[in-house]
Amino acid sequence: RITTAIEHISYGRLEKVYFTFPTAFWLSSNSTGTVTTFFSQFLP
């Protein structure tokens, strides 16, 4: 029952990469102040 459980439950592969820049060039400004988009998604 234990070995079957170990076999059946799956194990993921999630990784991350950190890109540091001299400045946060992607933060744009307008008349109301700074626009700070926290999340960006890139489709296929």
PDB file of all heavy atoms in Angstrom:
ATOM      1  N   ARG A   1       0.836  -1.207   0.000  1.00  0.00           N
ATOM      2  CA  ARG A   1       0.000   0.000   0.000  1.00  0.00           C
ATOM      3  C   ARG A   1       0.861   1.244   0.000  1.00  0.00           C
ATOM      4  O   ARG A   1       0.488   2.270  -0.596  1.00  0.00           O
ATOM      5  CB  ARG A   1      -0.915  -0.001   1.241  1.00  0.00           C
ATOM      6  CG  ARG A   1      -1.946   1.119   1.208  1.00  0.00           C
ATOM      7  CD  ARG A   1      -2.937   0.890   0.071  1.00  0.00           C
ATOM      8  NE  ARG A   1      -3.760   2.061  -0.240  1.00  0.00           N
ATOM      9  CZ  ARG A   1      -3.431   2.993  -1.122  1.00  0.00           C
ATOM     10  NH1 ARG A   1      -2.279   2.932  -1.780  1.00  0.00           N
ATOM     11  NH2 ARG A   1      -4.248   3.992  -1.370  1.00  0.00           N
ATOM     12  N   ILE A   2       2.024   1.188   0.641  1.00  0.00           N
ATOM     13  CA  ILE A   2       2.935   2.332   0.667  1.00  0.00           C
ATOM     14  C   ILE A   2       3.668   2.462  -0.665  1.00  0.00           C
ATOM     15  O   ILE A   2       3.765   3.563  -1.235  1.00  0.00           O
ATOM     16  CB  ILE A   2       3.948   2.201   1.821  1.00  0.00           C
ATOM     17  CG1 ILE A   2       3.240   2.169   3.179  1.00  0.00           C
ATOM     18  CG2 ILE A   2       4.963   3.337   1.773  1.00  0.00           C
ATOM     19  CD1 ILE A   2       2.618   3.460   3.592  1.00  0.00           C
ATOM     20  N   THR A   3       4.183   1.354  -1.186  1.00  0.00           N
ATOM     21  CA  THR A   3       4.931   1.420  -2.448  1.00  0.00           C
ATOM     22  C   THR A   3       4.023   1.846  -3.601  1.00  0.00           C
ATOM     23  O   THR A   3       4.455   2.575  -4.501  1.00  0.00           O
ATOM     24  CB  THR A   3       5.595   0.073  -2.769  1.00  0.00           C
ATOM     25  OG1 THR A   3       4.599  -0.957  -2.822  1.00  0.00           O
ATOM     26  CG2 THR A   3       6.613  -0.294  -1.696  1.00  0.00           C
ATOM     27  N   THR A   4       2.767   1.390  -3.573  1.00  0.00           N
ATOM     28  CA  THR A   4       1.818   1.801  -4.606  1.00  0.00           C
ATOM     29  C   THR A   4       1.551   3.298  -4.528  1.00  0.00           C
ATOM     30  O   THR A   4       1.478   3.990  -5.550  1.00  0.00           O
ATOM     31  CB  THR A   4       0.495   1.026  -4.453  1.00  0.00           C
ATOM     32  OG1 THR A   4       0.742  -0.366  -4.631  1.00  0.00           O
ATOM     33  CG2 THR A   4      -0.532   1.495  -5.476  1.00  0.00           C
ATOM     34  N   ALA A   5       1.421   3.816  -3.307  1.00  0.00           N
ATOM     35  CA  ALA A   5       1.195   5.249  -3.130  1.00  0.00           C
ATOM     36  C   ALA A   5       2.370   6.048  -3.684  1.00  0.00           C
ATOM     37  O   ALA A   5       2.176   7.043  -4.405  1.00  0.00           O
ATOM     38  CB  ALA A   5       0.982   5.559  -1.653  1.00  0.00           C
ATOM     39  N   ILE A   6       3.572   5.629  -3.352  1.00  0.00           N
ATOM     40  CA  ILE A   6       4.765   6.330  -3.833  1.00  0.00           C
ATOM     41  C   ILE A   6       4.818   6.320  -5.356  1.00  0.00           C
ATOM     42  O   ILE A   6       5.197   7.311  -5.998  1.00  0.00           O
ATOM     43  CB  ILE A   6       6.034   5.697  -3.229  1.00  0.00           C
ATOM     44  CG1 ILE A   6       6.077   5.957  -1.708  1.00  0.00           C
ATOM     45  CG2 ILE A   6       7.295   6.229  -3.899  1.00  0.00           C
ATOM     46  CD1 ILE A   6       7.164   5.200  -0.984  1.00  0.00           C
ATOM     47  N   GLU A   7       4.402   5.205  -5.949  1.00  0.00           N
ATOM     48  CA  GLU A   7       4.412   5.091  -7.411  1.00  0.00           C
ATOM     49  C   GLU A   7       3.343   5.966  -8.061  1.00  0.00           C
ATOM     50  O   GLU A   7       3.591   6.622  -9.073  1.00  0.00           O
ATOM     51  CB  GLU A   7       4.186   3.633  -7.809  1.00  0.00           C
ATOM     52  CG  GLU A   7       4.107   3.411  -9.310  1.00  0.00           C
ATOM     53  CD  GLU A   7       3.750   1.980  -9.682  1.00  0.00           C
ATOM     54  OE1 GLU A   7       3.641   1.133  -8.758  1.00  0.00           O
ATOM     55  OE2 GLU A   7       3.567   1.715 -10.877  1.00  0.00           O
ATOM     56  N   HIS A   8       2.144   6.004  -7.477  1.00  0.00           N
ATOM     57  CA  HIS A   8       1.014   6.664  -8.122  1.00  0.00           C
ATOM     58  C   HIS A   8       1.039   8.181  -8.006  1.00  0.00           C
ATOM     59  O   HIS A   8       0.653   8.881  -8.948  1.00  0.00           O
ATOM     60  CB  HIS A   8      -0.297   6.150  -7.525  1.00  0.00           C
ATOM     61  CG  HIS A   8      -0.689   4.807  -8.046  1.00  0.00           C
ATOM     62  ND1 HIS A   8      -1.723   4.069  -7.502  1.00  0.00           N
ATOM     63  CD2 HIS A   8      -0.186   4.054  -9.053  1.00  0.00           C
ATOM     64  CE1 HIS A   8      -1.843   2.928  -8.145  1.00  0.00           C
ATOM     65  NE2 HIS A   8      -0.923   2.892  -9.084  1.00  0.00           N
ATOM     66  N   ILE A   9       1.456   8.721  -6.871  1.00  0.00           N
ATOM     67  CA  ILE A   9       1.450  10.173  -6.697  1.00  0.00           C
ATOM     68  C   ILE A   9       2.540  10.774  -7.585  1.00  0.00           C
ATOM     69  O   ILE A   9       3.662  10.276  -7.623  1.00  0.00           O
ATOM     70  CB  ILE A   9       1.682  10.554  -5.227  1.00  0.00           C
ATOM     71  CG1 ILE A   9       0.643   9.869  -4.327  1.00  0.00           C
ATOM     72  CG2 ILE A   9       1.583  12.061  -5.047  1.00  0.00           C
ATOM     73  CD1 ILE A   9       0.964   9.972  -2.854  1.00  0.00           C
ATOM     74  N   SER A  10       2.208  11.823  -8.280  1.00  0.00           N
ATOM     75  CA  SER A  10       3.155  12.408  -9.241  1.00  0.00           C
ATOM     76  C   SER A  10       4.007  13.489  -8.588  1.00  0.00           C
ATOM     77  O   SER A  10       3.673  14.028  -7.537  1.00  0.00           O
ATOM     78  CB  SER A  10       2.387  12.989 -10.434  1.00  0.00           C
ATOM     79  OG  SER A  10       1.649  11.978 -11.089  1.00  0.00           O
ATOM     80  N   TYR A  11       5.110  13.792  -9.268  1.00  0.00           N
ATOM     81  CA  TYR A  11       6.075  14.759  -8.767  1.00  0.00           C
ATOM     82  C   TYR A  11       6.373  15.750  -9.880  1.00  0.00           C
ATOM     83  O   TYR A  11       6.739  15.360 -10.991  1.00  0.00           O
ATOM     84  CB  TYR A  11       7.339  14.022  -8.328  1.00  0.00           C
ATOM     85  CG  TYR A  11       8.216  14.779  -7.359  1.00  0.00           C
ATOM     86  CD1 TYR A  11       7.705  15.265  -6.166  1.00  0.00           C
ATOM     87  CD2 TYR A  11       9.554  14.990  -7.631  1.00  0.00           C
ATOM     88  CE1 TYR A  11       8.511  15.940  -5.262  1.00  0.00           C
ATOM     89  CE2 TYR A  11      10.381  15.652  -6.734  1.00  0.00           C
ATOM     90  CZ  TYR A  11       9.849  16.131  -5.558  1.00  0.00           C
ATOM     91  OH  TYR A  11      10.648  16.800  -4.661  1.00  0.00           O
ATOM     92  N   GLY A  12       6.177  17.051  -9.597  1.00  0.00           N
ATOM     93  CA  GLY A  12       6.274  18.070 -10.630  1.00  0.00           C
ATOM     94  C   GLY A  12       7.679  18.558 -10.905  1.00  0.00           C
ATOM     95  O   GLY A  12       8.629  18.241 -10.194  1.00  0.00           O
ATOM     96  N   ARG A  13       7.772  19.358 -11.967  1.00  0.00           N
ATOM     97  CA  ARG A  13       9.040  19.975 -12.372  1.00  0.00           C
ATOM     98  C   ARG A  13       8.799  21.470 -12.577  1.00  0.00           C
ATOM     99  O   ARG A  13       8.519  21.918 -13.679  1.00  0.00           O
ATOM    100  CB  ARG A  13       9.558  19.338 -13.656  1.00  0.00           C
ATOM    101  CG  ARG A  13       9.918  17.870 -13.548  1.00  0.00           C
ATOM    102  CD  ARG A  13      10.187  17.269 -14.922  1.00  0.00           C
ATOM    103  NE  ARG A  13       8.957  17.198 -15.710  1.00  0.00           N
ATOM    104  CZ  ARG A  13       8.913  16.842 -16.991  1.00  0.00           C
ATOM    105  NH1 ARG A  13      10.042  16.562 -17.643  1.00  0.00           N
ATOM    106  NH2 ARG A  13       7.762  16.792 -17.626  1.00  0.00           N
ATOM    107  N   LEU A  14       8.894  22.213 -11.497  1.00  0.00           N
ATOM    108  CA  LEU A  14       8.743  23.663 -11.565  1.00  0.00           C
ATOM    109  C   LEU A  14      10.094  24.311 -11.311  1.00  0.00           C
ATOM    110  O   LEU A  14      10.772  23.970 -10.340  1.00  0.00           O
ATOM    111  CB  LEU A  14       7.724  24.161 -10.541  1.00  0.00           C
ATOM    112  CG  LEU A  14       7.549  25.681 -10.464  1.00  0.00           C
ATOM    113  CD1 LEU A  14       6.943  26.219 -11.756  1.00  0.00           C
ATOM    114  CD2 LEU A  14       6.686  26.079  -9.277  1.00  0.00           C
ATOM    115  N   GLU A  15      10.492  25.206 -12.177  1.00  0.00           N
ATOM    116  CA  GLU A  15      11.743  25.942 -12.014  1.00  0.00           C
ATOM    117  C   GLU A  15      11.465  27.434 -12.151  1.00  0.00           C
ATOM    118  O   GLU A  15      10.385  27.851 -12.577  1.00  0.00           O
ATOM    119  CB  GLU A  15      12.780  25.513 -13.065  1.00  0.00           C
ATOM    120  CG  GLU A  15      13.083  24.018 -13.100  1.00  0.00           C
ATOM    121  CD  GLU A  15      13.923  23.524 -11.923  1.00  0.00           C
ATOM    122  OE1 GLU A  15      14.292  24.351 -11.052  1.00  0.00           O
ATOM    123  OE2 GLU A  15      14.208  22.318 -11.881  1.00  0.00           O
ATOM    124  N   LYS A  16      12.450  28.226 -11.788  1.00  0.00           N
ATOM    125  CA  LYS A  16      12.321  29.671 -11.906  1.00  0.00           C
ATOM    126  C   LYS A  16      13.677  30.272 -12.239  1.00  0.00           C
ATOM    127  O   LYS A  16      14.724  29.694 -11.931  1.00  0.00           O
ATOM    128  CB  LYS A  16      11.755  30.274 -10.618  1.00  0.00           C
ATOM    129  CG  LYS A  16      12.548  29.943  -9.368  1.00  0.00           C
ATOM    130  CD  LYS A  16      11.825  30.377  -8.098  1.00  0.00           C
ATOM    131  CE  LYS A  16      10.609  29.537  -7.842  1.00  0.00           C
ATOM    132  NZ  LYS A  16       9.993  29.812  -6.520  1.00  0.00           N
ATOM    133  N   VAL A  17      13.638  31.412 -12.891  1.00  0.00           N
ATOM    134  CA  VAL A  17      14.872  32.118 -13.218  1.00  0.00           C
ATOM    135  C   VAL A  17      14.680  33.589 -12.870  1.00  0.00           C
ATOM    136  O   VAL A  17      13.624  34.168 -13.120  1.00  0.00           O
ATOM    137  CB  VAL A  17      15.265  31.947 -14.709  1.00  0.00           C
ATOM    138  CG1 VAL A  17      14.203  32.481 -15.644  1.00  0.00           C
ATOM    139  CG2 VAL A  17      16.614  32.600 -15.000  1.00  0.00           C
ATOM    140  N   TYR A  18      15.716  34.148 -12.249  1.00  0.00           N
ATOM    141  CA  TYR A  18      15.701  35.556 -11.841  1.00  0.00           C
ATOM    142  C   TYR A  18      16.606  36.369 -12.773  1.00  0.00           C
ATOM    143  O   TYR A  18      17.794  36.066 -12.910  1.00  0.00           O
ATOM    144  CB  TYR A  18      16.206  35.699 -10.413  1.00  0.00           C
ATOM    145  CG  TYR A  18      15.281  35.170  -9.339  1.00  0.00           C
ATOM    146  CD1 TYR A  18      15.295  33.828  -8.972  1.00  0.00           C
ATOM    147  CD2 TYR A  18      14.404  36.027  -8.666  1.00  0.00           C
ATOM    148  CE1 TYR A  18      14.459  33.350  -7.965  1.00  0.00           C
ATOM    149  CE2 TYR A  18      13.565  35.563  -7.665  1.00  0.00           C
ATOM    150  CZ  TYR A  18      13.598  34.221  -7.318  1.00  0.00           C
ATOM    151  OH  TYR A  18      12.773  33.745  -6.323  1.00  0.00           O
ATOM    152  N   PHE A  19      16.025  37.395 -13.401  1.00  0.00           N
ATOM    153  CA  PHE A  19      16.782  38.331 -14.238  1.00  0.00           C
ATOM    154  C   PHE A  19      16.844  39.672 -13.515  1.00  0.00           C
ATOM    155  O   PHE A  19      15.805  40.331 -13.324  1.00  0.00           O
ATOM    156  CB  PHE A  19      16.098  38.530 -15.594  1.00  0.00           C
ATOM    157  CG  PHE A  19      16.389  37.453 -16.599  1.00  0.00           C
ATOM    158  CD1 PHE A  19      15.763  36.226 -16.515  1.00  0.00           C
ATOM    159  CD2 PHE A  19      17.293  37.664 -17.631  1.00  0.00           C
ATOM    160  CE1 PHE A  19      16.011  35.227 -17.433  1.00  0.00           C
ATOM    161  CE2 PHE A  19      17.565  36.681 -18.562  1.00  0.00           C
ATOM    162  CZ  PHE A  19      16.920  35.446 -18.461  1.00  0.00           C
ATOM    163  N   THR A  20      18.035  40.082 -13.122  1.00  0.00           N
ATOM    164  CA  THR A  20      18.211  41.380 -12.478  1.00  0.00           C
ATOM    165  C   THR A  20      18.792  42.367 -13.488  1.00  0.00           C
ATOM    166  O   THR A  20      19.719  42.035 -14.240  1.00  0.00           O
ATOM    167  CB  THR A  20      19.137  41.269 -11.255  1.00  0.00           C
ATOM    168  OG1 THR A  20      18.524  40.402 -10.292  1.00  0.00           O
ATOM    169  CG2 THR A  20      19.375  42.617 -10.616  1.00  0.00           C
ATOM    170  N   PHE A  21      18.246  43.577 -13.509  1.00  0.00           N
ATOM    171  CA  PHE A  21      18.660  44.622 -14.445  1.00  0.00           C
ATOM    172  C   PHE A  21      19.202  45.828 -13.669  1.00  0.00           C
ATOM    173  O   PHE A  21      18.953  45.964 -12.456  1.00  0.00           O
ATOM    174  CB  PHE A  21      17.469  45.060 -15.303  1.00  0.00           C
ATOM    175  CG  PHE A  21      16.952  43.988 -16.223  1.00  0.00           C
ATOM    176  CD1 PHE A  21      16.050  43.038 -15.752  1.00  0.00           C
ATOM    177  CD2 PHE A  21      17.362  43.916 -17.539  1.00  0.00           C
ATOM    178  CE1 PHE A  21      15.561  42.045 -16.586  1.00  0.00           C
ATOM    179  CE2 PHE A  21      16.889  42.913 -18.388  1.00  0.00           C
ATOM    180  CZ  PHE A  21      15.987  41.977 -17.907  1.00  0.00           C
ATOM    181  N   PRO A  22      19.919  46.714 -14.351  1.00  0.00           N
ATOM    182  CA  PRO A  22      20.406  47.928 -13.673  1.00  0.00           C
ATOM    183  C   PRO A  22      19.264  48.757 -13.092  1.00  0.00           C
ATOM    184  O   PRO A  22      19.391  49.322 -12.000  1.00  0.00           O
ATOM    185  CB  PRO A  22      21.138  48.684 -14.786  1.00  0.00           C
ATOM    186  CG  PRO A  22      21.578  47.600 -15.739  1.00  0.00           C
ATOM    187  CD  PRO A  22      20.464  46.592 -15.716  1.00  0.00           C
ATOM    188  N   THR A  23      18.162  48.839 -13.839  1.00  0.00           N
ATOM    189  CA  THR A  23      16.954  49.512 -13.354  1.00  0.00           C
ATOM    190  C   THR A  23      15.741  48.744 -13.864  1.00  0.00           C
ATOM    191  O   THR A  23      15.849  47.954 -14.806  1.00  0.00           O
ATOM    192  CB  THR A  23      16.858  50.969 -13.855  1.00  0.00           C
ATOM    193  OG1 THR A  23      16.741  50.957 -15.281  1.00  0.00           O
ATOM    194  CG2 THR A  23      18.068  51.781 -13.438  1.00  0.00           C
ATOM    195  N   ALA A  24      14.605  48.993 -13.251  1.00  0.00           N
ATOM    196  CA  ALA A  24      13.367  48.336 -13.680  1.00  0.00           C
ATOM    197  C   ALA A  24      12.787  49.114 -14.863  1.00  0.00           C
ATOM    198  O   ALA A  24      11.855  49.909 -14.722  1.00  0.00           O
ATOM    199  CB  ALA A  24      12.373  48.262 -12.534  1.00  0.00           C
ATOM    200  N   PHE A  25      13.327  48.867 -16.041  1.00  0.00           N
ATOM    201  CA  PHE A  25      12.960  49.653 -17.219  1.00  0.00           C
ATOM    202  C   PHE A  25      11.481  49.488 -17.581  1.00  0.00           C
ATOM    203  O   PHE A  25      10.888  50.340 -18.245  1.00  0.00           O
ATOM    204  CB  PHE A  25      13.832  49.241 -18.414  1.00  0.00           C
ATOM    205  CG  PHE A  25      13.575  47.840 -18.914  1.00  0.00           C
ATOM    206  CD1 PHE A  25      12.538  47.564 -19.806  1.00  0.00           C
ATOM    207  CD2 PHE A  25      14.362  46.789 -18.483  1.00  0.00           C
ATOM    208  CE1 PHE A  25      12.303  46.283 -20.266  1.00  0.00           C
ATOM    209  CE2 PHE A  25      14.135  45.496 -18.932  1.00  0.00           C
ATOM    210  CZ  PHE A  25      13.091  45.241 -19.819  1.00  0.00           C
ATOM    211  N   TRP A  26      10.848  48.398 -17.162  1.00  0.00           N
ATOM    212  CA  TRP A  26       9.485  48.092 -17.564  1.00  0.00           C
ATOM    213  C   TRP A  26       8.424  48.863 -16.774  1.00  0.00           C
ATOM    214  O   TRP A  26       7.235  48.755 -17.063  1.00  0.00           O
ATOM    215  CB  TRP A  26       9.218  46.604 -17.419  1.00  0.00           C
ATOM    216  CG  TRP A  26       9.491  46.081 -16.025  1.00  0.00           C
ATOM    217  CD1 TRP A  26       8.616  45.971 -14.993  1.00  0.00           C
ATOM    218  CD2 TRP A  26      10.742  45.610 -15.531  1.00  0.00           C
ATOM    219  NE1 TRP A  26       9.226  45.467 -13.876  1.00  0.00           N
ATOM    220  CE2 TRP A  26      10.556  45.222 -14.180  1.00  0.00           C
ATOM    221  CE3 TRP A  26      12.024  45.465 -16.081  1.00  0.00           C
ATOM    222  CZ2 TRP A  26      11.578  44.725 -13.370  1.00  0.00           C
ATOM    223  CZ3 TRP A  26      13.045  44.960 -15.285  1.00  0.00           C
ATOM    224  CH2 TRP A  26      12.827  44.595 -13.952  1.00  0.00           C
ATOM    225  N   LEU A  27       8.844  49.610 -15.762  1.00  0.00           N
ATOM    226  CA  LEU A  27       7.901  50.422 -15.003  1.00  0.00           C
ATOM    227  C   LEU A  27       7.710  51.750 -15.715  1.00  0.00           C
ATOM    228  O   LEU A  27       8.614  52.586 -15.754  1.00  0.00           O
ATOM    229  CB  LEU A  27       8.401  50.662 -13.577  1.00  0.00           C
ATOM    230  CG  LEU A  27       8.577  49.419 -12.700  1.00  0.00           C
ATOM    231  CD1 LEU A  27       8.900  49.833 -11.277  1.00  0.00           C
ATOM    232  CD2 LEU A  27       7.322  48.548 -12.716  1.00  0.00           C
ATOM    233  N   SER A  28       6.544  51.920 -16.291  1.00  0.00           N
ATOM    234  CA  SER A  28       6.285  53.139 -17.054  1.00  0.00           C
ATOM    235  C   SER A  28       5.570  54.163 -16.185  1.00  0.00           C
ATOM    236  O   SER A  28       5.001  53.833 -15.150  1.00  0.00           O
ATOM    237  CB  SER A  28       5.444  52.819 -18.291  1.00  0.00           C
ATOM    238  OG  SER A  28       4.223  52.220 -17.903  1.00  0.00           O
ATOM    239  N   SER A  29       5.587  55.408 -16.604  1.00  0.00           N
ATOM    240  CA  SER A  29       4.937  56.478 -15.847  1.00  0.00           C
ATOM    241  C   SER A  29       3.935  57.211 -16.730  1.00  0.00           C
ATOM    242  O   SER A  29       4.093  57.306 -17.953  1.00  0.00           O
ATOM    243  CB  SER A  29       5.972  57.484 -15.328  1.00  0.00           C
ATOM    244  OG  SER A  29       6.875  56.852 -14.444  1.00  0.00           O
ATOM    245  N   ASN A  30       2.903  57.692 -16.086  1.00  0.00           N
ATOM    246  CA  ASN A  30       1.969  58.571 -16.784  1.00  0.00           C
ATOM    247  C   ASN A  30       1.526  59.675 -15.836  1.00  0.00           C
ATOM    248  O   ASN A  30       2.081  59.828 -14.759  1.00  0.00           O
ATOM    249  CB  ASN A  30       0.761  57.781 -17.332  1.00  0.00           C
ATOM    250  CG  ASN A  30       0.015  57.043 -16.217  1.00  0.00           C
ATOM    251  OD1 ASN A  30       0.057  57.447 -15.062  1.00  0.00           O
ATOM    252  ND2 ASN A  30      -0.664  55.961 -16.588  1.00  0.00           N
ATOM    253  N   SER A  31       0.519  60.425 -16.217  1.00  0.00           N
ATOM    254  CA  SER A  31       0.127  61.579 -15.406  1.00  0.00           C
ATOM    255  C   SER A  31      -0.414  61.199 -14.043  1.00  0.00           C
ATOM    256  O   SER A  31      -0.454  62.020 -13.124  1.00  0.00           O
ATOM    257  CB  SER A  31      -0.940  62.394 -16.156  1.00  0.00           C
ATOM    258  OG  SER A  31      -2.077  61.580 -16.420  1.00  0.00           O
ATOM    259  N   THR A  32      -0.854  59.970 -13.885  1.00  0.00           N
ATOM    260  CA  THR A  32      -1.408  59.547 -12.598  1.00  0.00           C
ATOM    261  C   THR A  32      -0.373  58.882 -11.718  1.00  0.00           C
ATOM    262  O   THR A  32      -0.683  58.453 -10.608  1.00  0.00           O
ATOM    263  CB  THR A  32      -2.579  58.562 -12.814  1.00  0.00           C
ATOM    264  OG1 THR A  32      -2.098  57.388 -13.495  1.00  0.00           O
ATOM    265  CG2 THR A  32      -3.675  59.207 -13.640  1.00  0.00           C
ATOM    266  N   GLY A  33       0.856  58.762 -12.212  1.00  0.00           N
ATOM    267  CA  GLY A  33       1.892  58.137 -11.401  1.00  0.00           C
ATOM    268  C   GLY A  33       2.452  56.895 -12.080  1.00  0.00           C
ATOM    269  O   GLY A  33       2.294  56.688 -13.277  1.00  0.00           O
ATOM    270  N   THR A  34       3.102  56.071 -11.291  1.00  0.00           N
ATOM    271  CA  THR A  34       3.779  54.898 -11.844  1.00  0.00           C
ATOM    272  C   THR A  34       2.822  53.730 -12.028  1.00  0.00           C
ATOM    273  O   THR A  34       2.012  53.432 -11.158  1.00  0.00           O
ATOM    274  CB  THR A  34       4.923  54.457 -10.910  1.00  0.00           C
ATOM    275  OG1 THR A  34       5.820  55.555 -10.770  1.00  0.00           O
ATOM    276  CG2 THR A  34       5.674  53.278 -11.480  1.00  0.00           C
ATOM    277  N   VAL A  35       2.891  53.108 -13.173  1.00  0.00           N
ATOM    278  CA  VAL A  35       2.095  51.914 -13.458  1.00  0.00           C
ATOM    279  C   VAL A  35       2.957  50.693 -13.167  1.00  0.00           C
ATOM    280  O   VAL A  35       3.996  50.496 -13.802  1.00  0.00           O
ATOM    281  CB  VAL A  35       1.630  51.902 -14.925  1.00  0.00           C
ATOM    282  CG1 VAL A  35       0.824  50.638 -15.214  1.00  0.00           C
ATOM    283  CG2 VAL A  35       0.795  53.135 -15.233  1.00  0.00           C
ATOM    284  N   THR A  36       2.562  49.895 -12.214  1.00  0.00           N
ATOM    285  CA  THR A  36       3.382  48.751 -11.809  1.00  0.00           C
ATOM    286  C   THR A  36       2.620  47.454 -12.050  1.00  0.00           C
ATOM    287  O   THR A  36       1.794  47.044 -11.245  1.00  0.00           O
ATOM    288  CB  THR A  36       3.761  48.844 -10.325  1.00  0.00           C
ATOM    289  OG1 THR A  36       2.564  48.900  -9.547  1.00  0.00           O
ATOM    290  CG2 THR A  36       4.593  50.069 -10.047  1.00  0.00           C
ATOM    291  N   THR A  37       2.835  46.837 -13.177  1.00  0.00           N
ATOM    292  CA  THR A  37       2.233  45.553 -13.478  1.00  0.00           C
ATOM    293  C   THR A  37       3.050  44.471 -12.805  1.00  0.00           C
ATOM    294  O   THR A  37       4.229  44.291 -13.111  1.00  0.00           O
ATOM    295  CB  THR A  37       2.177  45.324 -14.996  1.00  0.00           C
ATOM    296  OG1 THR A  37       1.390  46.353 -15.590  1.00  0.00           O
ATOM    297  CG2 THR A  37       1.571  43.974 -15.309  1.00  0.00           C
ATOM    298  N   PHE A  38       2.437  43.743 -11.896  1.00  0.00           N
ATOM    299  CA  PHE A  38       3.154  42.710 -11.153  1.00  0.00           C
ATOM    300  C   PHE A  38       3.298  41.429 -11.961  1.00  0.00           C
ATOM    301  O   PHE A  38       4.329  40.765 -11.926  1.00  0.00           O
ATOM    302  CB  PHE A  38       2.409  42.422  -9.849  1.00  0.00           C
ATOM    303  CG  PHE A  38       3.039  41.355  -8.994  1.00  0.00           C
ATOM    304  CD1 PHE A  38       4.298  41.540  -8.432  1.00  0.00           C
ATOM    305  CD2 PHE A  38       2.380  40.156  -8.742  1.00  0.00           C
ATOM    306  CE1 PHE A  38       4.886  40.568  -7.650  1.00  0.00           C
ATOM    307  CE2 PHE A  38       2.951  39.174  -7.962  1.00  0.00           C
ATOM    308  CZ  PHE A  38       4.208  39.378  -7.405  1.00  0.00           C
ATOM    309  N   PHE A  39       2.274  41.086 -12.731  1.00  0.00           N
ATOM    310  CA  PHE A  39       2.221  39.787 -13.384  1.00  0.00           C
ATOM    311  C   PHE A  39       2.126  39.942 -14.895  1.00  0.00           C
ATOM    312  O   PHE A  39       1.322  40.716 -15.406  1.00  0.00           O
ATOM    313  CB  PHE A  39       1.003  39.016 -12.859  1.00  0.00           C
ATOM    314  CG  PHE A  39       0.747  37.707 -13.540  1.00  0.00           C
ATOM    315  CD1 PHE A  39       1.494  36.581 -13.227  1.00  0.00           C
ATOM    316  CD2 PHE A  39      -0.247  37.590 -14.501  1.00  0.00           C
ATOM    317  CE1 PHE A  39       1.252  35.375 -13.861  1.00  0.00           C
ATOM    318  CE2 PHE A  39      -0.492  36.380 -15.134  1.00  0.00           C
ATOM    319  CZ  PHE A  39       0.255  35.275 -14.811  1.00  0.00           C
ATOM    320  N   SER A  40       2.946  39.182 -15.620  1.00  0.00           N
ATOM    321  CA  SER A  40       2.886  39.155 -17.085  1.00  0.00           C
ATOM    322  C   SER A  40       2.867  37.708 -17.547  1.00  0.00           C
ATOM    323  O   SER A  40       3.620  36.873 -17.030  1.00  0.00           O
ATOM    324  CB  SER A  40       4.092  39.869 -17.708  1.00  0.00           C
ATOM    325  OG  SER A  40       4.125  41.236 -17.351  1.00  0.00           O
ATOM    326  N   GLN A  41       2.003  37.434 -18.521  1.00  0.00           N
ATOM    327  CA  GLN A  41       1.898  36.084 -19.067  1.00  0.00           C
ATOM    328  C   GLN A  41       2.163  36.120 -20.559  1.00  0.00           C
ATOM    329  O   GLN A  41       1.670  37.002 -21.270  1.00  0.00           O
ATOM    330  CB  GLN A  41       0.509  35.499 -18.795  1.00  0.00           C
ATOM    331  CG  GLN A  41       0.365  34.054 -19.247  1.00  0.00           C
ATOM    332  CD  GLN A  41      -1.017  33.479 -18.971  1.00  0.00           C
ATOM    333  OE1 GLN A  41      -1.916  34.187 -18.515  1.00  0.00           O
ATOM    334  NE2 GLN A  41      -1.200  32.197 -19.230  1.00  0.00           N
ATOM    335  N   PHE A  42       2.956  35.150 -21.019  1.00  0.00           N
ATOM    336  CA  PHE A  42       3.330  35.069 -22.422  1.00  0.00           C
ATOM    337  C   PHE A  42       2.735  33.781 -22.999  1.00  0.00           C
ATOM    338  O   PHE A  42       3.131  32.675 -22.625  1.00  0.00           O
ATOM    339  CB  PHE A  42       4.851  35.084 -22.568  1.00  0.00           C
ATOM    340  CG  PHE A  42       5.505  36.284 -21.923  1.00  0.00           C
ATOM    341  CD1 PHE A  42       5.862  36.246 -20.575  1.00  0.00           C
ATOM    342  CD2 PHE A  42       5.731  37.436 -22.642  1.00  0.00           C
ATOM    343  CE1 PHE A  42       6.449  37.343 -19.965  1.00  0.00           C
ATOM    344  CE2 PHE A  42       6.324  38.547 -22.037  1.00  0.00           C
ATOM    345  CZ  PHE A  42       6.684  38.492 -20.693  1.00  0.00           C
ATOM    346  N   LEU A  43       1.774  33.944 -23.894  1.00  0.00           N
ATOM    347  CA  LEU A  43       1.074  32.798 -24.478  1.00  0.00           C
ATOM    348  C   LEU A  43       1.976  32.092 -25.496  1.00  0.00           C
ATOM    349  O   LEU A  43       3.041  32.608 -25.853  1.00  0.00           O
ATOM    350  CB  LEU A  43      -0.219  33.283 -25.113  1.00  0.00           C
ATOM    351  CG  LEU A  43      -1.184  33.972 -24.129  1.00  0.00           C
ATOM    352  CD1 LEU A  43      -2.484  34.351 -24.827  1.00  0.00           C
ATOM    353  CD2 LEU A  43      -1.462  33.096 -22.916  1.00  0.00           C
ATOM    354  N   PRO A  44       1.595  30.895 -25.972  1.00  0.00           N
ATOM    355  CA  PRO A  44       2.486  30.099 -26.847  1.00  0.00           C
ATOM    356  C   PRO A  44       3.067  30.927 -27.988  1.00  0.00           C
ATOM    357  O   PRO A  44       2.335  31.346 -28.891  1.00  0.00           O
ATOM    358  CB  PRO A  44       1.553  28.999 -27.367  1.00  0.00           C
ATOM    359  CG  PRO A  44       0.536  28.828 -26.292  1.00  0.00           C
ATOM    360  CD  PRO A  44       0.318  30.213 -25.745  1.00  0.00           C
TER     361      PRO A  44
END
